[in-house]
Amino acid sequence: MDKLRHVPEEGEAAAAALYELLGKIVRVHIDDGRAVTGVFKCIDEHRNFIIGETQEARPVTEEDVGGATRTVQDERSLGSVMVPGEHVVRIEVTDLSLVELVQAGAA
């Protein structure tokens, strides 16, 4: 018997779709409102996503002098991150190049 685990048929399409994303710039939306954008490196059997060259965007509420509040995006560079699959809300492919992503982190 083959020692490789067989992916069930219903999972084969999802696995193939994820395989196509390897090396692409993706934005992963997390259930706490943050989003990380970076190079999709891999996923493990627990659905943990590894993203490299990562930029994180998180909503931050600011209050002005008059007391009015507004939400802005706070961004920072993180390098490589692991996002637990249970917290992933959505994954999308971006049209950014790696150069644009790195330049955005340097700004």
N, C-alpha and C. Protein backbone atom coordinates (compact mmCIF):
# COMPACT_ATOMS: atom_id res chain seq x y z
N MET A 1 0.85 -1.19 0.00
CA MET A 1 0.00 0.00 0.00
C MET A 1 0.88 1.24 0.00
N ASP A 2 0.45 2.24 -0.72
CA ASP A 2 1.19 3.49 -0.81
C ASP A 2 1.22 4.18 0.55
N LYS A 3 2.39 4.64 0.98
CA LYS A 3 2.51 5.28 2.29
C LYS A 3 2.09 6.73 2.28
N LEU A 4 1.87 7.32 1.09
CA LEU A 4 1.41 8.70 1.02
C LEU A 4 -0.06 8.76 1.40
N ARG A 5 -0.41 9.81 2.15
CA ARG A 5 -1.82 9.99 2.49
C ARG A 5 -2.58 10.46 1.26
N HIS A 6 -3.75 9.91 1.06
CA HIS A 6 -4.57 10.33 -0.06
C HIS A 6 -5.49 11.45 0.41
N VAL A 7 -5.54 12.52 -0.36
CA VAL A 7 -6.46 13.61 -0.07
C VAL A 7 -7.82 13.22 -0.63
N PRO A 8 -8.88 13.29 0.18
CA PRO A 8 -10.20 12.94 -0.33
C PRO A 8 -10.55 13.79 -1.54
N GLU A 9 -11.39 13.24 -2.43
CA GLU A 9 -11.72 13.94 -3.67
C GLU A 9 -12.23 15.34 -3.44
N GLU A 10 -13.08 15.54 -2.44
CA GLU A 10 -13.62 16.88 -2.19
C GLU A 10 -12.51 17.85 -1.77
N GLY A 11 -11.43 17.34 -1.21
CA GLY A 11 -10.32 18.18 -0.81
C GLY A 11 -9.29 18.40 -1.90
N GLU A 12 -9.35 17.58 -2.96
CA GLU A 12 -8.36 17.69 -4.03
C GLU A 12 -8.43 19.02 -4.75
N ALA A 13 -9.62 19.53 -5.01
CA ALA A 13 -9.78 20.81 -5.69
C ALA A 13 -9.23 21.95 -4.83
N ALA A 14 -9.52 21.90 -3.53
CA ALA A 14 -9.02 22.94 -2.63
C ALA A 14 -7.50 22.87 -2.53
N ALA A 15 -6.95 21.67 -2.44
CA ALA A 15 -5.50 21.52 -2.36
C ALA A 15 -4.84 22.02 -3.64
N ALA A 16 -5.44 21.72 -4.78
CA ALA A 16 -4.89 22.18 -6.06
C ALA A 16 -4.93 23.70 -6.15
N ALA A 17 -6.01 24.30 -5.67
CA ALA A 17 -6.14 25.77 -5.69
C ALA A 17 -5.07 26.40 -4.81
N LEU A 18 -4.83 25.83 -3.63
CA LEU A 18 -3.80 26.37 -2.74
C LEU A 18 -2.41 26.19 -3.35
N TYR A 19 -2.18 25.07 -4.00
CA TYR A 19 -0.90 24.82 -4.64
C TYR A 19 -0.61 25.90 -5.69
N GLU A 20 -1.64 26.32 -6.41
CA GLU A 20 -1.48 27.36 -7.43
C GLU A 20 -1.10 28.71 -6.83
N LEU A 21 -1.40 28.92 -5.54
CA LEU A 21 -1.09 30.20 -4.88
C LEU A 21 0.35 30.28 -4.37
N LEU A 22 1.06 29.16 -4.32
CA LEU A 22 2.43 29.17 -3.80
C LEU A 22 3.28 30.19 -4.54
N GLY A 23 3.96 31.04 -3.78
CA GLY A 23 4.85 32.04 -4.36
C GLY A 23 4.16 33.31 -4.82
N LYS A 24 2.83 33.33 -4.74
CA LYS A 24 2.09 34.52 -5.16
C LYS A 24 1.91 35.46 -3.97
N ILE A 25 1.68 36.75 -4.28
CA ILE A 25 1.40 37.73 -3.23
C ILE A 25 -0.09 37.61 -2.89
N VAL A 26 -0.37 37.28 -1.62
CA VAL A 26 -1.74 37.10 -1.17
C VAL A 26 -2.03 38.03 0.01
N ARG A 27 -3.31 38.31 0.19
CA ARG A 27 -3.77 39.04 1.38
C ARG A 27 -4.65 38.08 2.16
N VAL A 28 -4.28 37.84 3.42
CA VAL A 28 -5.02 36.93 4.28
C VAL A 28 -5.76 37.78 5.31
N HIS A 29 -7.08 37.69 5.31
CA HIS A 29 -7.91 38.43 6.26
C HIS A 29 -8.12 37.54 7.48
N ILE A 30 -7.91 38.14 8.66
CA ILE A 30 -7.97 37.40 9.92
C ILE A 30 -9.22 37.82 10.68
N ASP A 31 -9.76 36.92 11.48
CA ASP A 31 -11.04 37.17 12.16
C ASP A 31 -11.02 38.30 13.19
N ASP A 32 -9.86 38.86 13.53
CA ASP A 32 -9.82 39.99 14.46
C ASP A 32 -9.75 41.34 13.74
N GLY A 33 -9.92 41.32 12.42
CA GLY A 33 -9.94 42.56 11.64
C GLY A 33 -8.64 42.90 10.95
N ARG A 34 -7.56 42.20 11.32
CA ARG A 34 -6.27 42.45 10.66
C ARG A 34 -6.22 41.75 9.32
N ALA A 35 -5.29 42.22 8.48
CA ALA A 35 -5.01 41.55 7.22
C ALA A 35 -3.50 41.55 7.04
N VAL A 36 -2.95 40.44 6.58
CA VAL A 36 -1.52 40.37 6.29
C VAL A 36 -1.36 40.11 4.80
N THR A 37 -0.43 40.84 4.20
CA THR A 37 -0.16 40.71 2.77
C THR A 37 1.29 40.29 2.62
N GLY A 38 1.52 39.25 1.84
CA GLY A 38 2.88 38.78 1.63
C GLY A 38 2.92 37.59 0.69
N VAL A 39 4.08 36.96 0.62
CA VAL A 39 4.30 35.82 -0.28
C VAL A 39 3.81 34.55 0.40
N PHE A 40 2.89 33.85 -0.25
CA PHE A 40 2.36 32.59 0.28
C PHE A 40 3.44 31.52 0.16
N LYS A 41 3.94 31.04 1.31
CA LYS A 41 5.04 30.06 1.34
C LYS A 41 4.55 28.62 1.46
N CYS A 42 3.63 28.36 2.39
CA CYS A 42 3.14 27.00 2.56
C CYS A 42 1.96 26.96 3.50
N ILE A 43 1.36 25.79 3.57
CA ILE A 43 0.28 25.51 4.52
C ILE A 43 0.52 24.10 5.05
N ASP A 44 0.21 23.88 6.32
CA ASP A 44 0.42 22.55 6.88
C ASP A 44 -0.90 21.80 7.04
N GLU A 45 -0.84 20.61 7.60
CA GLU A 45 -2.03 19.78 7.73
C GLU A 45 -3.05 20.36 8.71
N HIS A 46 -2.64 21.35 9.52
CA HIS A 46 -3.55 22.00 10.46
C HIS A 46 -4.13 23.29 9.88
N ARG A 47 -3.83 23.54 8.60
CA ARG A 47 -4.28 24.73 7.88
C ARG A 47 -3.60 26.01 8.39
N ASN A 48 -2.41 25.90 8.96
CA ASN A 48 -1.65 27.09 9.33
C ASN A 48 -0.95 27.62 8.08
N PHE A 49 -1.12 28.89 7.81
CA PHE A 49 -0.54 29.51 6.63
C PHE A 49 0.76 30.20 6.98
N ILE A 50 1.80 30.00 6.19
CA ILE A 50 3.07 30.69 6.36
C ILE A 50 3.16 31.72 5.23
N ILE A 51 3.32 32.98 5.63
CA ILE A 51 3.38 34.10 4.70
C ILE A 51 4.70 34.82 4.94
N GLY A 52 5.47 35.08 3.87
CA GLY A 52 6.75 35.76 3.98
C GLY A 52 6.68 37.20 3.48
N GLU A 53 7.69 38.00 3.83
CA GLU A 53 7.76 39.42 3.42
C GLU A 53 6.45 40.14 3.75
N THR A 54 5.96 39.93 4.98
CA THR A 54 4.61 40.31 5.34
C THR A 54 4.46 41.76 5.79
N GLN A 55 3.38 42.36 5.31
CA GLN A 55 2.92 43.67 5.76
C GLN A 55 1.59 43.44 6.47
N GLU A 56 1.46 43.96 7.69
CA GLU A 56 0.21 43.82 8.43
C GLU A 56 -0.54 45.13 8.39
N ALA A 57 -1.84 45.06 8.19
CA ALA A 57 -2.72 46.23 8.27
C ALA A 57 -3.77 45.91 9.32
N ARG A 58 -3.96 46.85 10.24
CA ARG A 58 -4.97 46.65 11.27
C ARG A 58 -5.75 47.94 11.46
N PRO A 59 -7.06 47.82 11.67
CA PRO A 59 -7.86 49.03 11.88
C PRO A 59 -7.60 49.62 13.27
N VAL A 60 -7.43 50.94 13.31
CA VAL A 60 -7.20 51.65 14.57
C VAL A 60 -8.17 52.82 14.61
N THR A 61 -8.84 52.98 15.73
CA THR A 61 -9.77 54.10 15.90
C THR A 61 -9.03 55.27 16.53
N GLU A 62 -9.12 56.42 15.85
CA GLU A 62 -8.49 57.65 16.34
C GLU A 62 -9.58 58.64 16.71
N GLU A 63 -9.28 59.47 17.71
CA GLU A 63 -10.20 60.53 18.12
C GLU A 63 -9.54 61.87 17.87
N ASP A 64 -10.28 62.78 17.21
CA ASP A 64 -9.69 64.10 16.96
C ASP A 64 -10.02 65.04 18.11
N VAL A 65 -9.56 66.28 18.00
CA VAL A 65 -9.72 67.27 19.07
C VAL A 65 -11.19 67.50 19.40
N GLY A 66 -12.06 67.46 18.40
CA GLY A 66 -13.49 67.68 18.62
C GLY A 66 -14.22 66.48 19.19
N GLY A 67 -13.53 65.38 19.37
CA GLY A 67 -14.15 64.18 19.93
C GLY A 67 -14.68 63.21 18.89
N ALA A 68 -14.61 63.59 17.62
CA ALA A 68 -15.07 62.68 16.56
C ALA A 68 -14.06 61.56 16.39
N THR A 69 -14.56 60.38 16.08
CA THR A 69 -13.66 59.24 15.88
C THR A 69 -13.68 58.83 14.42
N ARG A 70 -12.57 58.24 14.00
CA ARG A 70 -12.48 57.68 12.65
C ARG A 70 -11.55 56.48 12.72
N THR A 71 -11.76 55.57 11.79
CA THR A 71 -10.94 54.37 11.73
C THR A 71 -9.94 54.52 10.59
N VAL A 72 -8.66 54.28 10.91
CA VAL A 72 -7.59 54.33 9.91
C VAL A 72 -6.86 52.99 9.94
N GLN A 73 -6.09 52.74 8.89
CA GLN A 73 -5.30 51.51 8.82
C GLN A 73 -3.89 51.78 9.34
N ASP A 74 -3.48 51.06 10.36
CA ASP A 74 -2.11 51.12 10.87
C ASP A 74 -1.36 49.97 10.21
N GLU A 75 -0.22 50.27 9.58
CA GLU A 75 0.53 49.24 8.87
C GLU A 75 1.93 49.09 9.42
N ARG A 76 2.44 47.86 9.37
CA ARG A 76 3.82 47.59 9.80
C ARG A 76 4.34 46.36 9.08
N SER A 77 5.67 46.28 8.99
CA SER A 77 6.33 45.12 8.39
C SER A 77 6.58 44.08 9.46
N LEU A 78 6.33 42.82 9.12
CA LEU A 78 6.51 41.74 10.10
C LEU A 78 7.52 40.68 9.68
N GLY A 79 7.91 40.63 8.43
CA GLY A 79 8.78 39.53 7.98
C GLY A 79 7.93 38.32 7.69
N SER A 80 8.30 37.15 8.22
CA SER A 80 7.51 35.93 8.01
C SER A 80 6.57 35.72 9.19
N VAL A 81 5.35 35.27 8.89
CA VAL A 81 4.36 35.03 9.94
C VAL A 81 3.65 33.70 9.70
N MET A 82 3.09 33.16 10.77
CA MET A 82 2.25 31.98 10.69
C MET A 82 0.86 32.42 11.13
N VAL A 83 -0.13 32.19 10.29
CA VAL A 83 -1.51 32.53 10.62
C VAL A 83 -2.26 31.22 10.82
N PRO A 84 -2.76 30.98 12.04
CA PRO A 84 -3.52 29.74 12.27
C PRO A 84 -4.75 29.69 11.37
N GLY A 85 -4.94 28.56 10.73
CA GLY A 85 -6.05 28.39 9.80
C GLY A 85 -7.40 28.68 10.40
N GLU A 86 -7.57 28.40 11.68
CA GLU A 86 -8.87 28.63 12.33
C GLU A 86 -9.23 30.10 12.39
N HIS A 87 -8.26 31.01 12.18
CA HIS A 87 -8.52 32.45 12.24
C HIS A 87 -8.60 33.10 10.86
N VAL A 88 -8.38 32.31 9.81
CA VAL A 88 -8.42 32.86 8.45
C VAL A 88 -9.88 33.01 8.01
N VAL A 89 -10.22 34.23 7.59
CA VAL A 89 -11.57 34.52 7.11
C VAL A 89 -11.62 34.42 5.59
N ARG A 90 -10.59 34.98 4.93
CA ARG A 90 -10.57 35.01 3.48
C ARG A 90 -9.14 35.16 2.99
N ILE A 91 -8.86 34.60 1.82
CA ILE A 91 -7.55 34.75 1.17
C ILE A 91 -7.81 35.28 -0.22
N GLU A 92 -7.05 36.30 -0.61
CA GLU A 92 -7.19 36.82 -1.96
C GLU A 92 -5.81 37.06 -2.57
N VAL A 93 -5.72 36.86 -3.87
CA VAL A 93 -4.49 37.14 -4.60
C VAL A 93 -4.48 38.62 -4.92
N THR A 94 -3.35 39.29 -4.69
CA THR A 94 -3.25 40.71 -5.00
C THR A 94 -2.55 40.89 -6.33
N ASP A 95 -2.58 42.11 -6.82
CA ASP A 95 -1.87 42.41 -8.07
C ASP A 95 -0.53 43.08 -7.78
N LEU A 96 -0.08 43.04 -6.52
CA LEU A 96 1.21 43.60 -6.15
C LEU A 96 2.35 42.69 -6.63
N SER A 97 3.47 43.31 -6.97
CA SER A 97 4.68 42.53 -7.22
C SER A 97 5.45 42.48 -5.92
N LEU A 98 6.43 41.59 -5.82
CA LEU A 98 7.26 41.51 -4.62
C LEU A 98 7.99 42.82 -4.38
N VAL A 99 8.46 43.46 -5.44
CA VAL A 99 9.15 44.75 -5.31
C VAL A 99 8.22 45.79 -4.68
N GLU A 100 6.98 45.86 -5.15
CA GLU A 100 6.01 46.83 -4.60
C GLU A 100 5.71 46.52 -3.14
N LEU A 101 5.62 45.24 -2.80
CA LEU A 101 5.34 44.85 -1.43
C LEU A 101 6.49 45.27 -0.51
N VAL A 102 7.72 45.01 -0.91
CA VAL A 102 8.88 45.38 -0.10
C VAL A 102 9.00 46.90 0.00
N GLN A 103 8.73 47.61 -1.07
CA GLN A 103 8.80 49.07 -1.04
C GLN A 103 7.73 49.64 -0.10
N ALA A 104 6.56 49.03 -0.07
CA ALA A 104 5.49 49.49 0.82
C ALA A 104 5.92 49.32 2.27
N GLY A 105 6.67 48.28 2.58
CA GLY A 105 7.15 48.06 3.95
C GLY A 105 8.25 49.02 4.34
N ALA A 106 8.98 49.53 3.37
CA ALA A 106 10.07 50.48 3.65
C ALA A 106 9.56 51.89 3.82
N ALA A 107 8.34 52.15 3.37
CA ALA A 107 7.79 53.52 3.46
C ALA A 107 7.38 53.87 4.86
